[in-house]
Amino acid sequence: MRKQSELPIEAPSPGGYRPLADRMRPRQLAEFVGQQHLLAPDRPLHRLLTAGIAHSMVLWGPPGSGKTTLARLAAKACKAHFISLSAVAAGVKDIRGAVEQARAARSEGGPATVLFLDEVHRFNKAQQDTFLPFVEDGTLVFIGATTENPSFELNSALLSRARVYLLKPLAPADLAGLLERALADPERGLGTSQVRATPEALGLLAGAADGDARRALNLLEVAADLAVDAADGRTITIDIARESSAGGHRRFDKRGELFYDQISALHKSVRDSDPDAALYWLCRMLDGGCDPGFIARRLVRMASEDIGNADPRALTLTLAAWESYDRLGSPEGELALAQACVFMACSPKSNAVYVAYGAAMDDAKSLGTLEVPLHLRNAPTRLMKELGYGQGHRYAHDQPDALVPGQRHFPDAMTPRNYYDPAPRGLEAKLRETLERIRLKGSETPPAQPTKKDHDRA
C-alpha cells in the first residue's frame, strides 16, 4: 500500500536526516502558527480540537498553510488511528485497504480511524465514491487537504458530510516568529548550531516564503548553511538571506482558482478605470508564469465587452499588442500588453454592444426560424423577382441623408427591438445622437409606392 502511515503522529521519518520543516512540525495546538480565524479559543475548530471531537472536514488552503499538521493534530486530539494517503499516488485499492483497517479496529473496540487524503482534488469522482459510504456509516472520519476550490473538485455528497475550513497564507509576522523559534529550539530546530540572524534577514526570508511555512523553514535551513562566522557565532545576514531566497516564489496556479481570481481582478480593474491596479494584476500574472498569449486574448475581449464603441481604438490596440507579443516574445512583447492594458483602463467605458448582442442572441435562439421579409431578400434570378423577392425595397443612397423612412428590417412576425443603447460617453455619445436621429427618421410614414429605380437597385 502506497504512502500509508500507521506510525505515531510524532514518529520521525526513516533515515538520519530530517528537514527542518519536518522537525518543526507542531506537535500540539499551542505550537501552531497562524489561522487564528479558525483556531482562536472562541472559534469552532479550536473547541472541537481541544474537546477531542472527531468530525469529517476538508482543509482548503495554499501550500504550507498547515493542512497536514491540522489533520494530524485532529487525529491526535480524538486519540484516533491515523492513516495518511496521497491522491497523487494512491488508488482505489489503497482506499479499500484503509477501510479494512478501520473495520478491523472498529470490530475490536479500538479507536476511531481518521483517513487523511492529501491532494484530495486529484481523486476523480468515482474514486471519491469508494470511501463515501464508509464516511456515512462512521467507519472512517475523513479529512481531506486541497489547494483547489472543493466546490469544483469534490462530490457534493462528500461535501455535504464534511465541513470545509479555509486556511489562509501565513502573515510575514507569523512566519518571522516561526523562524525565530526554529533558531532557538535546541531539540528540533537550530538551537545547538549557534546560528543567529539579524531581524532584517528574518524579515526578508519571511517575505520571500510568500505565506508558506514549509518554504520559510527551508529557506532558513539554506541560509544557516551559508551563515558567516562571527565572534559570537554564525550569523545570517541580509545578504545571505537575499542569496538564499534568490529567484523568488509567488503562488500562481495555472487554470486553478487563484488563476481565475487574478484574471478577474485584472478585468474588473480595467472596467473600473483603475490603470494602476490593472497594471499590478497584469504584472502579477506575468510574474507568476501566466501565458502572455492568454492575457492578450482576454485584453481583446475586454476591449469589446467593456469599452466597445465608446473608443473603438481599444480593439485595434489590443490586437496590435497581441501581434507585437507574438513577434517580439518575452520580455519585450509584454510591454505592448501593458500599454494596451493602461490605455483601456483610461478609456471611456461602454457595454452597450455587449448587452445588445446578448439580447439579440436571446431572441435569435428563442423566436425560431422567422422568415426574411421579401423586400430584404436578394433577387438574382427572374423567378425570384416574379415571386416578389426584393420588391418594395428602397435604396438608401437614393434617399435624403441616406435614410429610408418606415422601411422594416426585422421579420414580419417579430416586433422591432431597440437592442443598442449607446452610452453617453466617448464616441458613443455622438453615436447616440446619430442613432436618435436615424430612429426618428425611420419612424416616419414611408412613400406609398417604390419607384422602379429603387426596385432595380435592390
Protein backbone atom coordinates (compact mmCIF):
# COMPACT_ATOMS: atom_id res chain seq x y z
CA MET A 1 0.00 0.00 0.00
CA ARG A 2 1.50 3.31 -1.08
CA LYS A 3 2.18 6.22 1.24
CA GLN A 4 0.06 4.81 4.04
CA SER A 5 1.08 5.71 7.55
CA GLU A 6 0.25 3.88 10.74
CA LEU A 7 3.12 5.49 12.65
CA PRO A 8 2.51 7.61 15.74
CA ILE A 9 1.92 11.19 14.81
CA GLU A 10 5.25 12.39 16.18
CA ALA A 11 7.32 9.49 14.84
CA PRO A 12 10.39 10.54 12.89
CA SER A 13 10.67 9.77 9.22
CA PRO A 14 13.06 6.95 8.35
CA GLY A 15 16.72 7.80 7.79
CA GLY A 16 19.12 10.02 9.68
CA TYR A 17 18.39 13.43 8.14
CA ARG A 18 15.08 15.20 8.61
CA PRO A 19 14.46 18.60 7.04
CA LEU A 20 13.98 21.48 9.42
CA ALA A 21 10.40 21.95 8.23
CA ASP A 22 9.59 18.37 9.19
CA ARG A 23 11.32 18.62 12.56
CA MET A 24 9.49 21.82 13.43
CA ARG A 25 6.04 20.48 12.58
CA PRO A 26 3.77 21.42 15.54
CA ARG A 27 3.15 18.58 17.97
CA GLN A 28 0.35 20.36 19.82
CA LEU A 29 -2.15 23.09 19.05
CA ALA A 30 -0.23 25.68 21.09
CA GLU A 31 2.69 25.43 18.65
CA PHE A 32 0.53 26.04 15.58
CA VAL A 33 1.25 29.34 13.82
CA GLY A 34 -1.43 31.47 12.19
CA GLN A 35 -5.01 30.62 11.15
CA GLN A 36 -6.45 32.49 14.12
CA HIS A 37 -9.76 32.86 12.28
CA LEU A 38 -10.07 29.07 12.82
CA LEU A 39 -8.00 28.39 15.92
CA ALA A 40 -8.63 31.29 18.28
CA PRO A 41 -10.06 29.98 21.59
CA ASP A 42 -13.60 31.05 20.71
CA ARG A 43 -13.60 29.51 17.22
CA PRO A 44 -15.42 26.21 16.49
CA LEU A 45 -12.39 24.32 15.18
CA HIS A 46 -10.38 25.17 18.29
CA ARG A 47 -13.18 23.95 20.53
CA LEU A 48 -13.52 20.70 18.58
CA LEU A 49 -9.78 20.01 18.67
CA THR A 50 -9.43 20.76 22.37
CA ALA A 51 -12.52 18.67 23.17
CA GLY A 52 -11.25 15.74 21.12
CA ILE A 53 -14.38 15.56 18.93
CA ALA A 54 -13.74 13.85 15.60
CA HIS A 55 -15.61 15.06 12.54
CA SER A 56 -15.04 14.90 8.80
CA MET A 57 -13.56 18.01 7.27
CA VAL A 58 -11.90 19.45 4.18
CA LEU A 59 -8.93 21.72 4.76
CA TRP A 60 -8.63 24.10 1.81
CA GLY A 61 -5.66 26.42 1.55
CA PRO A 62 -2.36 27.22 -0.15
CA PRO A 63 0.81 25.16 0.30
CA GLY A 64 2.48 25.47 3.69
CA SER A 65 -0.59 26.82 5.48
CA GLY A 66 -0.82 23.88 7.91
CA LYS A 67 -3.34 21.48 6.35
CA THR A 68 -1.43 18.25 7.07
CA THR A 69 -0.46 19.42 10.54
CA LEU A 70 -4.06 20.24 11.43
CA ALA A 71 -5.15 16.80 10.23
CA ARG A 72 -2.55 15.13 12.46
CA LEU A 73 -3.50 17.30 15.43
CA ALA A 74 -7.16 16.47 14.91
CA ALA A 75 -6.41 12.74 14.91
CA LYS A 76 -4.24 13.12 17.98
CA ALA A 77 -6.87 15.16 19.83
CA CYS A 78 -9.51 12.46 19.43
CA LYS A 79 -6.99 9.63 20.01
CA ALA A 80 -7.75 8.19 16.58
CA HIS A 81 -5.82 5.78 14.41
CA PHE A 82 -4.30 7.94 11.62
CA ILE A 83 -3.98 6.69 8.03
CA SER A 84 -2.42 9.05 5.52
CA LEU A 85 -2.77 8.64 1.75
CA SER A 86 -1.78 10.92 -1.08
CA ALA A 87 -4.16 11.14 -4.02
CA VAL A 88 -1.11 11.63 -6.24
CA ALA A 89 -0.01 8.03 -5.66
CA ALA A 90 -2.94 6.21 -4.06
CA GLY A 91 -5.78 4.45 -5.83
CA VAL A 92 -8.98 2.58 -5.07
CA LYS A 93 -7.02 -0.41 -3.78
CA ASP A 94 -5.35 1.76 -1.15
CA ILE A 95 -8.69 3.20 -0.07
CA ARG A 96 -10.13 -0.29 0.35
CA GLY A 97 -7.12 -1.29 2.43
CA ALA A 98 -7.67 1.69 4.72
CA VAL A 99 -11.34 0.76 5.06
CA GLU A 100 -10.43 -2.80 6.06
CA GLN A 101 -8.07 -1.49 8.74
CA ALA A 102 -10.79 0.81 10.06
CA ARG A 103 -13.33 -2.01 10.12
CA ALA A 104 -10.91 -4.29 11.98
CA ALA A 105 -10.17 -1.60 14.57
CA ARG A 106 -13.88 -0.91 14.99
CA SER A 107 -14.80 -4.58 15.44
CA GLU A 108 -12.16 -4.96 18.13
CA GLY A 109 -13.43 -1.91 20.01
CA GLY A 110 -10.38 0.11 19.05
CA PRO A 111 -10.13 3.85 18.41
CA ALA A 112 -11.77 5.69 15.57
CA THR A 113 -9.87 5.86 12.27
CA VAL A 114 -9.01 9.12 10.59
CA LEU A 115 -8.35 8.78 6.85
CA PHE A 116 -6.30 11.74 5.68
CA LEU A 117 -6.27 12.27 1.91
CA ASP A 118 -3.69 14.79 0.78
CA GLU A 119 -4.31 16.49 -2.58
CA VAL A 120 -7.83 15.06 -2.48
CA HIS A 121 -8.83 17.14 -5.51
CA ARG A 122 -6.73 14.77 -7.63
CA PHE A 123 -9.17 11.96 -6.90
CA ASN A 124 -11.82 11.73 -9.58
CA LYS A 125 -15.49 11.49 -8.65
CA ALA A 126 -15.54 7.68 -8.98
CA GLN A 127 -12.59 7.33 -6.59
CA GLN A 128 -14.28 9.64 -4.11
CA ASP A 129 -17.37 7.44 -4.22
CA THR A 130 -15.35 4.43 -2.99
CA PHE A 131 -14.98 5.80 0.55
CA LEU A 132 -18.14 7.92 0.77
CA PRO A 133 -20.31 5.06 2.24
CA PHE A 134 -17.76 4.49 4.99
CA VAL A 135 -17.78 8.15 5.93
CA GLU A 136 -21.57 7.98 6.07
CA ASP A 137 -21.69 4.95 8.38
CA GLY A 138 -18.92 6.20 10.67
CA THR A 139 -16.29 3.61 9.73
CA LEU A 140 -13.97 6.47 8.74
CA VAL A 141 -13.51 10.06 9.78
CA PHE A 142 -12.48 11.74 6.54
CA ILE A 143 -10.06 14.67 6.44
CA GLY A 144 -9.11 15.97 3.01
CA ALA A 145 -6.48 18.55 2.13
CA THR A 146 -6.66 20.52 -1.09
CA THR A 147 -5.25 23.62 -2.72
CA GLU A 148 -8.19 23.76 -5.15
CA ASN A 149 -11.73 25.01 -4.59
CA PRO A 150 -13.58 21.96 -3.21
CA SER A 151 -16.84 23.24 -4.72
CA PHE A 152 -15.47 22.30 -8.14
CA GLU A 153 -13.36 19.28 -7.27
CA LEU A 154 -15.32 17.22 -4.72
CA ASN A 155 -18.60 15.35 -4.94
CA SER A 156 -21.50 17.30 -3.49
CA ALA A 157 -22.42 14.22 -1.42
CA LEU A 158 -18.95 14.20 0.12
CA LEU A 159 -19.00 17.95 0.72
CA SER A 160 -22.35 17.67 2.48
CA ARG A 161 -20.79 15.28 5.02
CA ALA A 162 -17.62 17.26 5.68
CA ARG A 163 -17.15 20.77 6.98
CA VAL A 164 -14.89 22.96 4.83
CA TYR A 165 -12.27 25.09 6.59
CA LEU A 166 -10.49 27.75 4.56
CA LEU A 167 -6.85 28.26 5.54
CA LYS A 168 -5.09 31.48 4.60
CA PRO A 169 -1.45 32.17 3.65
CA LEU A 170 0.57 32.90 6.77
CA ALA A 171 1.35 36.53 7.50
CA PRO A 172 5.03 37.61 7.37
CA ALA A 173 4.93 38.37 11.11
CA ASP A 174 3.76 34.82 11.86
CA LEU A 175 6.50 33.37 9.66
CA ALA A 176 9.16 35.57 11.26
CA GLY A 177 8.08 34.32 14.68
CA LEU A 178 8.26 30.73 13.45
CA LEU A 179 11.80 31.30 12.14
CA GLU A 180 12.89 32.80 15.47
CA ARG A 181 11.51 29.78 17.27
CA ALA A 182 13.33 27.41 14.90
CA LEU A 183 16.62 29.24 15.51
CA ALA A 184 16.18 29.00 19.28
CA ASP A 185 14.82 25.44 19.58
CA PRO A 186 17.67 23.14 20.70
CA GLU A 187 15.71 19.91 20.31
CA ARG A 188 14.15 20.16 16.85
CA GLY A 189 15.48 23.42 15.48
CA LEU A 190 18.86 25.07 15.09
CA GLY A 191 19.39 26.00 18.73
CA THR A 192 22.50 23.85 19.14
CA SER A 193 24.19 25.14 15.99
CA GLN A 194 24.72 28.67 17.39
CA VAL A 195 23.27 30.26 14.27
CA ARG A 196 21.85 33.73 14.64
CA ALA A 197 20.01 36.00 12.23
CA THR A 198 19.52 39.72 12.01
CA PRO A 199 15.90 40.93 12.20
CA GLU A 200 16.22 42.26 8.64
CA ALA A 201 17.36 38.85 7.38
CA LEU A 202 14.47 37.06 9.09
CA GLY A 203 12.03 39.60 7.67
CA LEU A 204 13.37 39.07 4.18
CA LEU A 205 13.13 35.26 4.48
CA ALA A 206 9.60 35.52 5.86
CA GLY A 207 8.54 37.75 2.97
CA ALA A 208 10.19 35.52 0.37
CA ALA A 209 8.26 32.50 1.67
CA ASP A 210 5.04 34.08 0.37
CA GLY A 211 2.84 32.76 3.18
CA ASP A 212 4.28 29.22 3.11
CA ALA A 213 5.67 27.96 6.46
CA ARG A 214 7.39 25.00 4.85
CA ARG A 215 9.18 27.23 2.39
CA ALA A 216 10.16 29.68 5.14
CA LEU A 217 11.83 26.93 7.17
CA ASN A 218 13.53 25.52 4.07
CA LEU A 219 14.94 28.97 3.27
CA LEU A 220 16.15 29.34 6.85
CA GLU A 221 17.91 25.98 6.65
CA VAL A 222 19.70 27.01 3.45
CA ALA A 223 20.63 30.37 4.97
CA ALA A 224 22.00 28.64 8.09
CA ASP A 225 24.31 26.55 5.93
CA LEU A 226 25.61 29.76 4.34
CA ALA A 227 25.89 31.69 7.60
CA VAL A 228 29.16 33.54 8.07
CA ASP A 229 31.34 33.09 11.14
CA ALA A 230 31.32 35.91 13.66
CA ALA A 231 32.92 36.41 17.06
CA ASP A 232 29.75 35.27 18.83
CA GLY A 233 28.76 32.54 16.38
CA ARG A 234 27.46 32.19 12.84
CA THR A 235 25.17 34.94 11.62
CA ILE A 236 22.60 35.03 8.83
CA THR A 237 22.98 38.49 7.34
CA ILE A 238 20.66 40.32 4.97
CA ASP A 239 22.98 39.44 2.07
CA ILE A 240 22.83 35.74 2.93
CA ALA A 241 19.03 35.95 3.17
CA ARG A 242 18.91 37.53 -0.29
CA GLU A 243 21.15 34.82 -1.69
CA SER A 244 19.11 32.05 -0.07
CA SER A 245 15.81 33.36 -1.41
CA ALA A 246 17.10 34.32 -4.87
CA GLY A 247 14.66 33.59 -7.65
CA GLY A 248 11.59 34.37 -5.59
CA HIS A 249 8.45 32.30 -5.33
CA ARG A 250 4.97 33.61 -5.99
CA ARG A 251 1.89 31.43 -5.86
CA PHE A 252 0.14 31.06 -9.19
CA ASP A 253 -1.86 28.01 -10.20
CA LYS A 254 -2.35 27.79 -13.93
CA ARG A 255 -6.06 27.23 -14.58
CA GLY A 256 -6.77 26.95 -10.83
CA GLU A 257 -8.90 29.23 -8.70
CA LEU A 258 -6.07 31.68 -7.98
CA PHE A 259 -5.53 31.97 -11.73
CA TYR A 260 -9.16 32.93 -12.35
CA ASP A 261 -9.25 35.22 -9.31
CA GLN A 262 -6.33 37.20 -10.71
CA ILE A 263 -7.69 37.47 -14.25
CA SER A 264 -10.99 38.60 -12.69
CA ALA A 265 -9.12 41.26 -10.69
CA LEU A 266 -7.36 42.44 -13.87
CA HIS A 267 -10.63 42.61 -15.82
CA LYS A 268 -12.50 44.48 -13.08
CA SER A 269 -9.62 46.95 -12.59
CA VAL A 270 -9.70 47.81 -16.30
CA ARG A 271 -13.51 48.08 -16.25
CA ASP A 272 -13.41 50.34 -13.18
CA SER A 273 -10.85 52.66 -14.85
CA ASP A 274 -8.01 51.97 -12.40
CA PRO A 275 -4.86 51.79 -14.58
CA ASP A 276 -2.51 51.33 -11.61
CA ALA A 277 -4.34 48.31 -10.20
CA ALA A 278 -4.80 46.91 -13.71
CA LEU A 279 -1.06 47.14 -14.31
CA TYR A 280 -0.35 45.47 -10.95
CA TRP A 281 -2.56 42.47 -11.70
CA LEU A 282 -1.12 42.20 -15.19
CA CYS A 283 2.37 42.02 -13.71
CA ARG A 284 1.26 39.57 -11.02
CA MET A 285 0.03 37.19 -13.68
CA LEU A 286 3.09 37.58 -15.90
CA ASP A 287 5.42 37.17 -12.92
CA GLY A 288 3.52 34.05 -11.83
CA GLY A 289 4.04 32.35 -15.17
CA CYS A 290 0.76 33.02 -16.96
CA ASP A 291 0.92 32.61 -20.73
CA PRO A 292 1.06 36.18 -22.14
CA GLY A 293 -0.95 34.96 -25.11
CA PHE A 294 -3.84 34.15 -22.77
CA ILE A 295 -3.65 37.65 -21.28
CA ALA A 296 -3.60 39.17 -24.78
CA ARG A 297 -6.73 37.23 -25.67
CA ARG A 298 -8.51 38.47 -22.54
CA LEU A 299 -7.48 42.07 -23.27
CA VAL A 300 -9.12 41.81 -26.69
CA ARG A 301 -12.26 40.54 -25.02
CA MET A 302 -12.24 43.47 -22.55
CA ALA A 303 -11.90 45.91 -25.44
CA SER A 304 -15.19 44.71 -26.93
CA GLU A 305 -17.06 43.94 -23.73
CA ASP A 306 -16.29 47.00 -21.60
CA ILE A 307 -15.17 49.75 -24.00
CA GLY A 308 -16.81 48.89 -27.27
CA ASN A 309 -17.75 51.84 -29.44
CA ALA A 310 -17.00 54.35 -26.70
CA ASP A 311 -13.45 54.13 -28.08
CA PRO A 312 -13.07 51.61 -30.95
CA ARG A 313 -9.29 52.21 -30.87
CA ALA A 314 -9.12 49.88 -27.86
CA LEU A 315 -9.91 46.86 -30.03
CA THR A 316 -7.32 47.88 -32.60
CA LEU A 317 -4.68 48.49 -29.94
CA THR A 318 -5.24 45.19 -28.15
CA LEU A 319 -4.97 43.26 -31.42
CA ALA A 320 -1.78 45.16 -32.21
CA ALA A 321 -0.43 44.37 -28.73
CA TRP A 322 -1.19 40.68 -29.24
CA GLU A 323 0.61 40.69 -32.59
CA SER A 324 3.54 42.62 -31.08
CA TYR A 325 3.93 39.98 -28.38
CA ASP A 326 3.79 37.19 -30.97
CA ARG A 327 6.56 38.88 -32.95
CA LEU A 328 8.79 40.01 -30.09
CA GLY A 329 8.22 37.36 -27.44
CA SER A 330 9.21 37.89 -23.81
CA PRO A 331 10.09 40.20 -22.22
CA GLU A 332 9.93 42.87 -24.94
CA GLY A 333 6.45 41.94 -26.14
CA GLU A 334 4.96 42.14 -22.67
CA LEU A 335 5.38 45.93 -22.70
CA ALA A 336 2.87 46.12 -25.56
CA LEU A 337 0.35 44.24 -23.40
CA ALA A 338 0.97 46.72 -20.58
CA GLN A 339 0.42 49.62 -22.99
CA ALA A 340 -2.91 48.22 -24.15
CA CYS A 341 -3.96 47.47 -20.58
CA VAL A 342 -3.30 51.03 -19.36
CA PHE A 343 -4.97 52.56 -22.44
CA MET A 344 -8.15 50.56 -21.86
CA ALA A 345 -8.26 51.39 -18.16
CA CYS A 346 -8.13 55.11 -19.09
CA SER A 347 -10.68 54.81 -21.92
CA PRO A 348 -14.38 55.73 -21.68
CA LYS A 349 -16.43 52.63 -20.91
CA SER A 350 -19.49 51.17 -22.57
CA ASN A 351 -21.00 47.70 -22.51
CA ALA A 352 -23.82 48.76 -24.85
CA VAL A 353 -22.74 46.41 -27.66
CA TYR A 354 -22.21 43.57 -25.17
CA VAL A 355 -25.73 43.99 -23.77
CA ALA A 356 -27.27 44.45 -27.22
CA TYR A 357 -25.53 41.33 -28.55
CA GLY A 358 -26.80 39.25 -25.62
CA ALA A 359 -30.38 40.43 -26.08
CA ALA A 360 -30.30 39.86 -29.83
CA MET A 361 -28.83 36.38 -29.36
CA ASP A 362 -31.57 35.51 -26.88
CA ASP A 363 -34.21 36.49 -29.47
CA ALA A 364 -32.42 34.62 -32.25
CA LYS A 365 -32.47 31.44 -30.13
CA SER A 366 -35.99 31.75 -28.75
CA LEU A 367 -38.10 33.06 -31.65
CA GLY A 368 -37.44 30.24 -34.10
CA THR A 369 -36.67 30.49 -37.82
CA LEU A 370 -38.53 33.67 -38.75
CA GLU A 371 -38.55 34.36 -42.46
CA VAL A 372 -36.61 37.20 -44.05
CA PRO A 373 -39.08 39.83 -45.33
CA LEU A 374 -39.50 39.73 -49.11
CA HIS A 375 -38.27 43.30 -49.64
CA LEU A 376 -34.93 42.44 -47.95
CA ARG A 377 -34.26 39.32 -50.00
CA ASN A 378 -31.77 39.15 -52.83
CA ALA A 379 -33.25 38.63 -56.29
CA PRO A 380 -30.55 37.44 -58.72
CA THR A 381 -32.93 35.38 -60.94
CA ARG A 382 -36.15 36.10 -62.87
CA LEU A 383 -38.08 33.57 -60.80
CA MET A 384 -37.10 35.27 -57.58
CA LYS A 385 -38.20 38.63 -58.95
CA GLU A 386 -41.53 37.13 -60.08
CA LEU A 387 -42.00 35.78 -56.54
CA GLY A 388 -41.58 39.30 -55.18
CA TYR A 389 -38.05 39.00 -53.81
CA GLY A 390 -36.63 42.48 -53.28
CA GLN A 391 -39.85 44.18 -54.31
CA GLY A 392 -40.58 47.32 -52.32
CA HIS A 393 -37.04 47.81 -51.11
CA ARG A 394 -35.85 51.40 -51.26
CA TYR A 395 -32.14 52.01 -51.87
CA ALA A 396 -30.74 54.12 -49.01
CA HIS A 397 -28.25 56.06 -51.12
CA ASP A 398 -31.05 57.44 -53.26
CA GLN A 399 -32.80 58.88 -50.20
CA PRO A 400 -32.12 62.21 -48.44
CA ASP A 401 -29.34 61.73 -45.85
CA ALA A 402 -29.23 58.05 -46.97
CA LEU A 403 -32.12 57.35 -44.57
CA VAL A 404 -35.18 55.32 -45.56
CA PRO A 405 -38.31 56.28 -43.59
CA GLY A 406 -40.51 53.40 -42.46
CA GLN A 407 -38.55 50.57 -44.07
CA ARG A 408 -38.74 47.46 -41.83
CA HIS A 409 -35.73 45.22 -41.33
CA PHE A 410 -36.98 42.78 -38.71
CA PRO A 411 -39.04 39.69 -39.67
CA ASP A 412 -42.70 40.49 -40.27
CA ALA A 413 -43.75 38.22 -37.38
CA MET A 414 -41.44 39.96 -34.91
CA THR A 415 -41.92 43.22 -33.09
CA PRO A 416 -38.95 45.51 -33.85
CA ARG A 417 -36.50 45.85 -30.98
CA ASN A 418 -34.08 48.56 -29.87
CA TYR A 419 -31.18 46.42 -28.64
CA TYR A 420 -28.42 49.00 -28.91
CA ASP A 421 -28.47 51.84 -26.40
CA PRO A 422 -25.19 53.77 -26.74
CA ALA A 423 -23.60 55.08 -23.58
CA PRO A 424 -23.34 58.88 -23.15
CA ARG A 425 -19.53 58.62 -23.11
CA GLY A 426 -16.72 58.80 -25.61
CA LEU A 427 -17.53 58.22 -29.26
CA GLU A 428 -20.80 56.55 -28.28
CA ALA A 429 -22.12 59.91 -27.13
CA LYS A 430 -22.00 61.03 -30.78
CA LEU A 431 -23.33 57.65 -31.95
CA ARG A 432 -26.23 58.12 -29.56
CA GLU A 433 -27.17 61.45 -31.16
CA THR A 434 -26.88 59.92 -34.63
CA LEU A 435 -28.95 56.87 -33.71
CA GLU A 436 -31.71 59.02 -32.22
CA ARG A 437 -31.91 60.94 -35.49
CA ILE A 438 -31.93 57.71 -37.52
CA ARG A 439 -34.65 56.12 -35.39
CA LEU A 440 -36.77 59.28 -35.56
CA LYS A 441 -36.46 59.33 -39.35
CA GLY A 442 -37.20 55.62 -39.53
CA SER A 443 -40.48 56.07 -37.71
CA GLU A 444 -41.85 58.37 -40.45
CA THR A 445 -44.52 57.08 -42.84
CA PRO A 446 -42.95 55.59 -46.00
CA PRO A 447 -43.97 56.60 -49.54
CA ALA A 448 -46.98 54.74 -50.94
CA GLN A 449 -45.14 53.04 -53.84
CA PRO A 450 -41.41 52.45 -54.52
CA THR A 451 -40.01 53.67 -57.80
CA LYS A 452 -38.83 51.29 -60.50
CA LYS A 453 -35.31 52.63 -59.97
CA ASP A 454 -35.48 51.65 -56.30
CA HIS A 455 -36.65 48.16 -57.23
CA ASP A 456 -33.91 47.67 -59.81
CA ARG A 457 -31.25 48.66 -57.29
CA ALA A 458 -32.44 46.16 -54.64
